[in-house]
Structure formats: C-alpha cells, structure tokens
Amino acid sequence: MRKKTTEVPERPGSEPTRRNPTQQRSRERQERILAVATQLIATKGSDQVKMSEIAERSEISIGSLYQYFPDKSSVIRTLAERYNAQSRRCIEGALSAVEDAQGLRTAYAQLLDLYYEIVLATPAMRDIWSGMQADKQLLELELEESRVAGALLAKAMLRVNPDSDAQQVADAAFLIWQLGEATMRLAISCAPEEGRRLVDVFKRMSLREIMEPVTINMPDS
C-alpha cells in the first residue's frame, strides 16, 4: 500500500506562498489576522512582533496562520499593499482632474497634506515602513509604488507643460515621490509641530521643480 502522507503547514524559510481566501469564513479569518497584526505592529513595532503572538491573539493555531501567511514579511507585505492601494486611489483621483498650473499646484499640495494626516492617524504605517526597509523584496515593492505614483504625477505635469522633457519629468516625479515617502517617515518621528514644518518645507521645495520642469531645447529653424 502507498503510505499516506500528511501535509505540513508551510514554515518560514520555504518558498512563500500566500493563501487567497475565497470563502466568507476564510476572508473573515484573514481580516482578523491582519487587524491583530496591525494592532501589534502599532504597539510593539514590526521587529518585535512574532508570528506565534499573532496566532494567539487571532485565536487560531500557528499552523492555520502559516496557511494564510507563510512568514511575517508576507503579513507586512499585505498591509503595505493595502495602504499603497488606498494611496494610489487618492493620487489618481486628485491628479486625473488636473488641467492647468493652478490645478496641479493645488492637487499636489492637498495630496501631501492628506497623506501626512493619514500616516499620523495610522501609527502602524511607520513600523510597516521600517519592516520594509530591512527586506529586499519589500523595499522593491516600495520603490515600485513610488514609480507608479511618480508616473501619475509626471503625466499631470506633462499635461500642464507639454513642452517639457518627458524623461526628465519622469525622473523628477519619481524622485519627488520617493523623497516624499522619506519626508513622511521623518515627520511622524518628530514632534507634531516640527513634523508639520518639515512637510511644508518639502512641499515648497518639490513644488518648485513640479511647476518649472525642464523644457525641450528646440533646434533653431
């Protein structure tokens, strides 16, 4: 007879695969896991959170937890992807309507203010960012999201200034967004008054580049 084998839940160190729940009960369990993880990360920081603690607080076995999230990086990645999706919707909604210089200035300034308020109201975001910096794959996720956001900003900039050098605009927009992420991390690590000032300084600095992009040098006729 063929010996019956027992499936062993995936453990950290194996190829990470994340379960995609389709049944209502599974989705509810996943949401509970993520809610618990968010609370623990906000309280203790991502480095101090253990998978066993997430499982205990979620009232599931460690084996069941690994079926949904094979390691802590996959938990952090899922939370980051959700925050990124929320941010992207805000960015698309604000910049898609930009048609002139004043609209671009207003939309960008309001986006920075809104983003700062969101991260202030979501303490776990700082520690999720911290966890991403120590993981190469998660860091690549952050960079890719900055490229996406930068492309949306560049598209709006080129609508307002169609004679600009498209490549330089794209590079500037990518850099502005990545530096914006770093500014937000710094700002929420400071006292609220200082953090607000830092965001305002970055806004002024970046707006100078956004509103006066490099134009293409047209050949003399």
C-alpha atoms as a PDB file:
ATOM      1  CA  MET A   1       0.000   0.000   0.000  1.00  0.00           C
ATOM      2  CA  ARG A   2       1.017   3.523  -0.604  1.00  0.00           C
ATOM      3  CA  LYS A   3       1.849   5.300   2.598  1.00  0.00           C
ATOM      4  CA  LYS A   4      -0.471   8.177   3.355  1.00  0.00           C
ATOM      5  CA  THR A   5       1.293  11.499   3.782  1.00  0.00           C
ATOM      6  CA  THR A   6       0.223  14.404   5.928  1.00  0.00           C
ATOM      7  CA  GLU A   7       0.518  17.949   4.685  1.00  0.00           C
ATOM      8  CA  VAL A   8       2.724  20.136   6.848  1.00  0.00           C
ATOM      9  CA  PRO A   9       1.882  23.838   7.032  1.00  0.00           C
ATOM     10  CA  GLU A  10       4.462  25.973   5.313  1.00  0.00           C
ATOM     11  CA  ARG A  11       7.104  27.490   7.583  1.00  0.00           C
ATOM     12  CA  PRO A  12       9.415  30.456   7.217  1.00  0.00           C
ATOM     13  CA  GLY A  13      12.386  29.569   5.059  1.00  0.00           C
ATOM     14  CA  SER A  14      10.352  27.756   2.415  1.00  0.00           C
ATOM     15  CA  GLU A  15       9.085  29.428  -0.728  1.00  0.00           C
ATOM     16  CA  PRO A  16       6.488  31.969   0.493  1.00  0.00           C
ATOM     17  CA  THR A  17       3.021  31.331  -0.846  1.00  0.00           C
ATOM     18  CA  ARG A  18       0.061  33.297   0.396  1.00  0.00           C
ATOM     19  CA  ARG A  19      -3.380  31.799   0.607  1.00  0.00           C
ATOM     20  CA  ASN A  20      -6.063  33.681  -1.273  1.00  0.00           C
ATOM     21  CA  PRO A  21      -9.262  33.020   0.680  1.00  0.00           C
ATOM     22  CA  THR A  22     -12.451  32.703  -1.345  1.00  0.00           C
ATOM     23  CA  GLN A  23     -14.953  31.594   1.276  1.00  0.00           C
ATOM     24  CA  GLN A  24     -16.551  34.136   3.572  1.00  0.00           C
ATOM     25  CA  ARG A  25     -15.273  32.425   6.715  1.00  0.00           C
ATOM     26  CA  SER A  26     -11.716  32.361   5.399  1.00  0.00           C
ATOM     27  CA  ARG A  27     -11.880  36.019   4.394  1.00  0.00           C
ATOM     28  CA  GLU A  28     -13.132  36.947   7.855  1.00  0.00           C
ATOM     29  CA  ARG A  29     -10.303  34.991   9.450  1.00  0.00           C
ATOM     30  CA  GLN A  30      -7.741  36.718   7.245  1.00  0.00           C
ATOM     31  CA  GLU A  31      -9.162  40.115   8.158  1.00  0.00           C
ATOM     32  CA  ARG A  32      -8.947  39.242  11.845  1.00  0.00           C
ATOM     33  CA  ILE A  33      -5.308  38.191  11.427  1.00  0.00           C
ATOM     34  CA  LEU A  34      -4.446  41.453   9.678  1.00  0.00           C
ATOM     35  CA  ALA A  35      -6.307  43.530  12.278  1.00  0.00           C
ATOM     36  CA  VAL A  36      -4.407  41.799  15.084  1.00  0.00           C
ATOM     37  CA  ALA A  37      -1.094  42.218  13.247  1.00  0.00           C
ATOM     38  CA  THR A  38      -1.770  45.923  12.689  1.00  0.00           C
ATOM     39  CA  GLN A  39      -2.528  46.453  16.371  1.00  0.00           C
ATOM     40  CA  LEU A  40       0.593  44.571  17.469  1.00  0.00           C
ATOM     41  CA  ILE A  41       2.809  46.413  14.987  1.00  0.00           C
ATOM     42  CA  ALA A  42       1.450  49.783  16.156  1.00  0.00           C
ATOM     43  CA  THR A  43       2.048  48.836  19.801  1.00  0.00           C
ATOM     44  CA  LYS A  44       5.369  46.978  19.654  1.00  0.00           C
ATOM     45  CA  GLY A  45       6.938  47.720  16.285  1.00  0.00           C
ATOM     46  CA  SER A  46       7.273  45.243  13.429  1.00  0.00           C
ATOM     47  CA  ASP A  47      10.630  43.869  14.634  1.00  0.00           C
ATOM     48  CA  GLN A  48       9.190  42.754  17.973  1.00  0.00           C
ATOM     49  CA  VAL A  49       6.048  41.065  16.659  1.00  0.00           C
ATOM     50  CA  LYS A  50       6.170  37.265  16.475  1.00  0.00           C
ATOM     51  CA  MET A  51       4.016  35.004  14.332  1.00  0.00           C
ATOM     52  CA  SER A  52       3.126  32.948  17.406  1.00  0.00           C
ATOM     53  CA  GLU A  53       1.762  36.083  19.062  1.00  0.00           C
ATOM     54  CA  ILE A  54      -0.337  36.940  16.018  1.00  0.00           C
ATOM     55  CA  ALA A  55      -1.762  33.420  16.024  1.00  0.00           C
ATOM     56  CA  GLU A  56      -2.551  33.527  19.748  1.00  0.00           C
ATOM     57  CA  ARG A  57      -4.263  36.920  19.560  1.00  0.00           C
ATOM     58  CA  SER A  58      -6.190  35.806  16.464  1.00  0.00           C
ATOM     59  CA  GLU A  59      -7.341  32.673  18.324  1.00  0.00           C
ATOM     60  CA  ILE A  60      -6.038  30.288  15.672  1.00  0.00           C
ATOM     61  CA  SER A  61      -3.277  27.697  15.603  1.00  0.00           C
ATOM     62  CA  ILE A  62       0.163  28.616  14.308  1.00  0.00           C
ATOM     63  CA  GLY A  63      -0.352  26.053  11.528  1.00  0.00           C
ATOM     64  CA  SER A  64      -3.530  27.816  10.408  1.00  0.00           C
ATOM     65  CA  LEU A  65      -1.722  31.165  10.434  1.00  0.00           C
ATOM     66  CA  TYR A  66       1.007  29.804   8.153  1.00  0.00           C
ATOM     67  CA  GLN A  67      -1.663  28.716   5.670  1.00  0.00           C
ATOM     68  CA  TYR A  68      -2.619  32.361   5.253  1.00  0.00           C
ATOM     69  CA  PHE A  69       0.787  33.978   5.738  1.00  0.00           C
ATOM     70  CA  PRO A  70       3.947  31.853   5.451  1.00  0.00           C
ATOM     71  CA  ASP A  71       6.090  34.409   7.296  1.00  0.00           C
ATOM     72  CA  LYS A  72       5.994  37.848   8.893  1.00  0.00           C
ATOM     73  CA  SER A  73       7.204  39.506   5.704  1.00  0.00           C
ATOM     74  CA  SER A  74       4.064  38.316   3.923  1.00  0.00           C
ATOM     75  CA  VAL A  75       1.927  39.926   6.654  1.00  0.00           C
ATOM     76  CA  ILE A  76       3.783  43.209   6.310  1.00  0.00           C
ATOM     77  CA  ARG A  77       3.597  42.994   2.516  1.00  0.00           C
ATOM     78  CA  THR A  78      -0.184  42.522   2.585  1.00  0.00           C
ATOM     79  CA  LEU A  79      -0.645  45.504   4.905  1.00  0.00           C
ATOM     80  CA  ALA A  80       1.688  47.614   2.766  1.00  0.00           C
ATOM     81  CA  GLU A  81      -0.171  46.648  -0.417  1.00  0.00           C
ATOM     82  CA  ARG A  82      -3.446  47.741   1.179  1.00  0.00           C
ATOM     83  CA  TYR A  83      -2.040  51.103   2.229  1.00  0.00           C
ATOM     84  CA  ASN A  84      -0.494  51.507  -1.225  1.00  0.00           C
ATOM     85  CA  ALA A  85      -3.813  50.768  -2.918  1.00  0.00           C
ATOM     86  CA  GLN A  86      -5.542  53.358  -0.742  1.00  0.00           C
ATOM     87  CA  SER A  87      -2.850  55.931  -1.524  1.00  0.00           C
ATOM     88  CA  ARG A  88      -2.972  55.188  -5.242  1.00  0.00           C
ATOM     89  CA  ARG A  89      -6.729  55.778  -5.366  1.00  0.00           C
ATOM     90  CA  CYS A  90      -6.238  59.166  -3.687  1.00  0.00           C
ATOM     91  CA  ILE A  91      -3.425  60.100  -6.075  1.00  0.00           C
ATOM     92  CA  GLU A  92      -5.339  59.052  -9.182  1.00  0.00           C
ATOM     93  CA  GLY A  93      -8.454  60.888  -8.048  1.00  0.00           C
ATOM     94  CA  ALA A  94      -6.571  64.113  -7.332  1.00  0.00           C
ATOM     95  CA  LEU A  95      -4.241  64.222 -10.344  1.00  0.00           C
ATOM     96  CA  SER A  96      -6.527  62.872 -13.052  1.00  0.00           C
ATOM     97  CA  ALA A  97      -8.555  66.104 -12.999  1.00  0.00           C
ATOM     98  CA  VAL A  98      -5.514  68.397 -13.323  1.00  0.00           C
ATOM     99  CA  GLU A  99      -5.626  70.519 -16.470  1.00  0.00           C
ATOM    100  CA  ASP A 100      -3.749  73.730 -15.579  1.00  0.00           C
ATOM    101  CA  ALA A 101      -0.917  75.006 -13.397  1.00  0.00           C
ATOM    102  CA  GLN A 102      -3.113  76.156 -10.541  1.00  0.00           C
ATOM    103  CA  GLY A 103      -4.927  72.835 -10.502  1.00  0.00           C
ATOM    104  CA  LEU A 104      -1.610  70.971 -10.375  1.00  0.00           C
ATOM    105  CA  ARG A 105      -0.286  73.099  -7.529  1.00  0.00           C
ATOM    106  CA  THR A 106      -3.480  72.710  -5.507  1.00  0.00           C
ATOM    107  CA  ALA A 107      -3.856  68.978  -6.110  1.00  0.00           C
ATOM    108  CA  TYR A 108      -0.244  68.187  -5.189  1.00  0.00           C
ATOM    109  CA  ALA A 109      -0.281  70.342  -2.047  1.00  0.00           C
ATOM    110  CA  GLN A 110      -3.539  68.792  -0.880  1.00  0.00           C
ATOM    111  CA  LEU A 111      -2.212  65.274  -1.545  1.00  0.00           C
ATOM    112  CA  LEU A 112       0.803  65.862   0.693  1.00  0.00           C
ATOM    113  CA  ASP A 113      -1.385  67.269   3.463  1.00  0.00           C
ATOM    114  CA  LEU A 114      -3.820  64.366   3.184  1.00  0.00           C
ATOM    115  CA  TYR A 115      -1.037  61.773   3.179  1.00  0.00           C
ATOM    116  CA  TYR A 116       0.515  63.310   6.277  1.00  0.00           C
ATOM    117  CA  GLU A 117      -2.824  63.201   8.082  1.00  0.00           C
ATOM    118  CA  ILE A 118      -3.305  59.548   7.069  1.00  0.00           C
ATOM    119  CA  VAL A 119       0.079  58.436   8.418  1.00  0.00           C
ATOM    120  CA  LEU A 120      -0.456  60.410  11.619  1.00  0.00           C
ATOM    121  CA  ALA A 121      -3.771  58.633  12.119  1.00  0.00           C
ATOM    122  CA  THR A 122      -2.265  55.196  11.330  1.00  0.00           C
ATOM    123  CA  PRO A 123       0.623  54.542  13.760  1.00  0.00           C
ATOM    124  CA  ALA A 124       1.318  51.099  12.296  1.00  0.00           C
ATOM    125  CA  MET A 125       2.377  52.633   8.968  1.00  0.00           C
ATOM    126  CA  ARG A 126       5.682  53.875  10.389  1.00  0.00           C
ATOM    127  CA  ASP A 127       6.608  50.420  11.644  1.00  0.00           C
ATOM    128  CA  ILE A 128       5.415  48.768   8.443  1.00  0.00           C
ATOM    129  CA  TRP A 129       7.770  51.111   6.582  1.00  0.00           C
ATOM    130  CA  SER A 130      10.543  50.131   8.985  1.00  0.00           C
ATOM    131  CA  GLY A 131       9.925  46.443   8.340  1.00  0.00           C
ATOM    132  CA  MET A 132      10.034  47.037   4.598  1.00  0.00           C
ATOM    133  CA  GLN A 133      13.455  48.707   4.719  1.00  0.00           C
ATOM    134  CA  ALA A 134      15.054  45.563   6.147  1.00  0.00           C
ATOM    135  CA  ASP A 135      13.611  43.237   3.489  1.00  0.00           C
ATOM    136  CA  LYS A 136      14.901  43.490  -0.082  1.00  0.00           C
ATOM    137  CA  GLN A 137      11.675  42.270  -1.705  1.00  0.00           C
ATOM    138  CA  LEU A 138       9.551  44.630   0.389  1.00  0.00           C
ATOM    139  CA  LEU A 139      11.891  47.515  -0.388  1.00  0.00           C
ATOM    140  CA  GLU A 140      11.425  46.789  -4.090  1.00  0.00           C
ATOM    141  CA  LEU A 141       7.661  46.960  -3.507  1.00  0.00           C
ATOM    142  CA  GLU A 142       8.045  50.440  -2.032  1.00  0.00           C
ATOM    143  CA  LEU A 143      10.213  51.589  -4.926  1.00  0.00           C
ATOM    144  CA  GLU A 144       7.740  50.218  -7.459  1.00  0.00           C
ATOM    145  CA  GLU A 145       4.897  52.059  -5.769  1.00  0.00           C
ATOM    146  CA  SER A 146       6.913  55.286  -5.890  1.00  0.00           C
ATOM    147  CA  ARG A 147       7.413  54.709  -9.618  1.00  0.00           C
ATOM    148  CA  VAL A 148       3.674  54.261 -10.107  1.00  0.00           C
ATOM    149  CA  ALA A 149       2.843  57.390  -8.097  1.00  0.00           C
ATOM    150  CA  GLY A 150       5.637  59.280  -9.829  1.00  0.00           C
ATOM    151  CA  ALA A 151       4.262  58.289 -13.239  1.00  0.00           C
ATOM    152  CA  LEU A 152       0.845  59.678 -12.270  1.00  0.00           C
ATOM    153  CA  LEU A 153       2.465  62.929 -11.168  1.00  0.00           C
ATOM    154  CA  ALA A 154       4.589  63.114 -14.345  1.00  0.00           C
ATOM    155  CA  LYS A 155       1.506  62.615 -16.501  1.00  0.00           C
ATOM    156  CA  ALA A 156      -0.202  65.566 -14.816  1.00  0.00           C
ATOM    157  CA  MET A 157       2.946  67.692 -15.118  1.00  0.00           C
ATOM    158  CA  LEU A 158       3.180  66.986 -18.854  1.00  0.00           C
ATOM    159  CA  ARG A 159      -0.481  67.902 -19.385  1.00  0.00           C
ATOM    160  CA  VAL A 160       0.241  71.289 -17.843  1.00  0.00           C
ATOM    161  CA  ASN A 161       3.648  71.727 -19.534  1.00  0.00           C
ATOM    162  CA  PRO A 162       3.565  69.645 -22.743  1.00  0.00           C
ATOM    163  CA  ASP A 163       6.872  71.123 -23.992  1.00  0.00           C
ATOM    164  CA  SER A 164       8.791  69.679 -21.042  1.00  0.00           C
ATOM    165  CA  ASP A 165      11.416  66.974 -21.444  1.00  0.00           C
ATOM    166  CA  ALA A 166       9.346  63.849 -20.731  1.00  0.00           C
ATOM    167  CA  GLN A 167      12.253  61.746 -19.418  1.00  0.00           C
ATOM    168  CA  GLN A 168      13.465  64.435 -17.054  1.00  0.00           C
ATOM    169  CA  VAL A 169       9.926  64.996 -15.834  1.00  0.00           C
ATOM    170  CA  ALA A 170       9.512  61.260 -15.198  1.00  0.00           C
ATOM    171  CA  ASP A 171      12.815  61.084 -13.302  1.00  0.00           C
ATOM    172  CA  ALA A 172      11.984  64.174 -11.244  1.00  0.00           C
ATOM    173  CA  ALA A 173       8.494  62.914 -10.389  1.00  0.00           C
ATOM    174  CA  PHE A 174       9.846  59.516  -9.280  1.00  0.00           C
ATOM    175  CA  LEU A 175      12.494  61.175  -7.112  1.00  0.00           C
ATOM    176  CA  ILE A 176       9.982  63.621  -5.637  1.00  0.00           C
ATOM    177  CA  TRP A 177       7.662  60.809  -4.606  1.00  0.00           C
ATOM    178  CA  GLN A 178      10.417  58.680  -3.104  1.00  0.00           C
ATOM    179  CA  LEU A 179      11.771  61.662  -1.170  1.00  0.00           C
ATOM    180  CA  GLY A 180       8.218  62.411  -0.106  1.00  0.00           C
ATOM    181  CA  GLU A 181       7.962  58.959   1.475  1.00  0.00           C
ATOM    182  CA  ALA A 182      11.205  59.595   3.355  1.00  0.00           C
ATOM    183  CA  THR A 183       9.933  63.003   4.465  1.00  0.00           C
ATOM    184  CA  MET A 184       6.756  61.479   5.866  1.00  0.00           C
ATOM    185  CA  ARG A 185       8.742  58.876   7.816  1.00  0.00           C
ATOM    186  CA  LEU A 186      10.905  61.626   9.278  1.00  0.00           C
ATOM    187  CA  ALA A 187       7.967  63.925  10.000  1.00  0.00           C
ATOM    188  CA  ILE A 188       5.968  61.383  12.001  1.00  0.00           C
ATOM    189  CA  SER A 189       9.090  60.540  14.010  1.00  0.00           C
ATOM    190  CA  CYS A 190       9.299  64.154  15.208  1.00  0.00           C
ATOM    191  CA  ALA A 191       7.042  66.224  17.408  1.00  0.00           C
ATOM    192  CA  PRO A 192       3.826  67.189  15.550  1.00  0.00           C
ATOM    193  CA  GLU A 193       4.783  70.872  15.188  1.00  0.00           C
ATOM    194  CA  GLU A 194       8.213  70.058  13.761  1.00  0.00           C
ATOM    195  CA  GLY A 195       6.774  67.314  11.562  1.00  0.00           C
ATOM    196  CA  ARG A 196       4.274  69.734  10.073  1.00  0.00           C
ATOM    197  CA  ARG A 197       7.064  72.226   9.323  1.00  0.00           C
ATOM    198  CA  LEU A 198       9.150  69.547   7.602  1.00  0.00           C
ATOM    199  CA  VAL A 199       6.238  68.544   5.386  1.00  0.00           C
ATOM    200  CA  ASP A 200       5.656  72.196   4.475  1.00  0.00           C
ATOM    201  CA  VAL A 201       9.348  72.695   3.608  1.00  0.00           C
ATOM    202  CA  PHE A 202       9.341  69.613   1.385  1.00  0.00           C
ATOM    203  CA  LYS A 203       6.138  70.845  -0.253  1.00  0.00           C
ATOM    204  CA  ARG A 204       7.757  74.170  -1.164  1.00  0.00           C
ATOM    205  CA  MET A 205      10.947  72.527  -2.427  1.00  0.00           C
ATOM    206  CA  SER A 206       9.185  69.950  -4.566  1.00  0.00           C
ATOM    207  CA  LEU A 207       6.632  72.404  -5.944  1.00  0.00           C
ATOM    208  CA  ARG A 208       9.463  74.490  -7.427  1.00  0.00           C
ATOM    209  CA  GLU A 209      10.517  71.501  -9.528  1.00  0.00           C
ATOM    210  CA  ILE A 210       6.956  70.465 -10.346  1.00  0.00           C
ATOM    211  CA  MET A 211       5.872  73.896 -11.523  1.00  0.00           C
ATOM    212  CA  GLU A 212       9.031  74.673 -13.528  1.00  0.00           C
ATOM    213  CA  PRO A 213      10.107  71.435 -15.276  1.00  0.00           C
ATOM    214  CA  VAL A 214      12.941  71.336 -17.804  1.00  0.00           C
ATOM    215  CA  THR A 215      11.727  72.132 -21.311  1.00  0.00           C
ATOM    216  CA  ILE A 216      12.938  70.507 -24.518  1.00  0.00           C
ATOM    217  CA  ASN A 217      15.535  72.558 -26.370  1.00  0.00           C
ATOM    218  CA  MET A 218      14.030  73.031 -29.805  1.00  0.00           C
ATOM    219  CA  PRO A 219      16.546  73.351 -32.692  1.00  0.00           C
ATOM    220  CA  ASP A 220      16.827  76.725 -34.349  1.00  0.00           C
ATOM    221  CA  SER A 221      14.901  76.951 -37.581  1.00  0.00           C
END
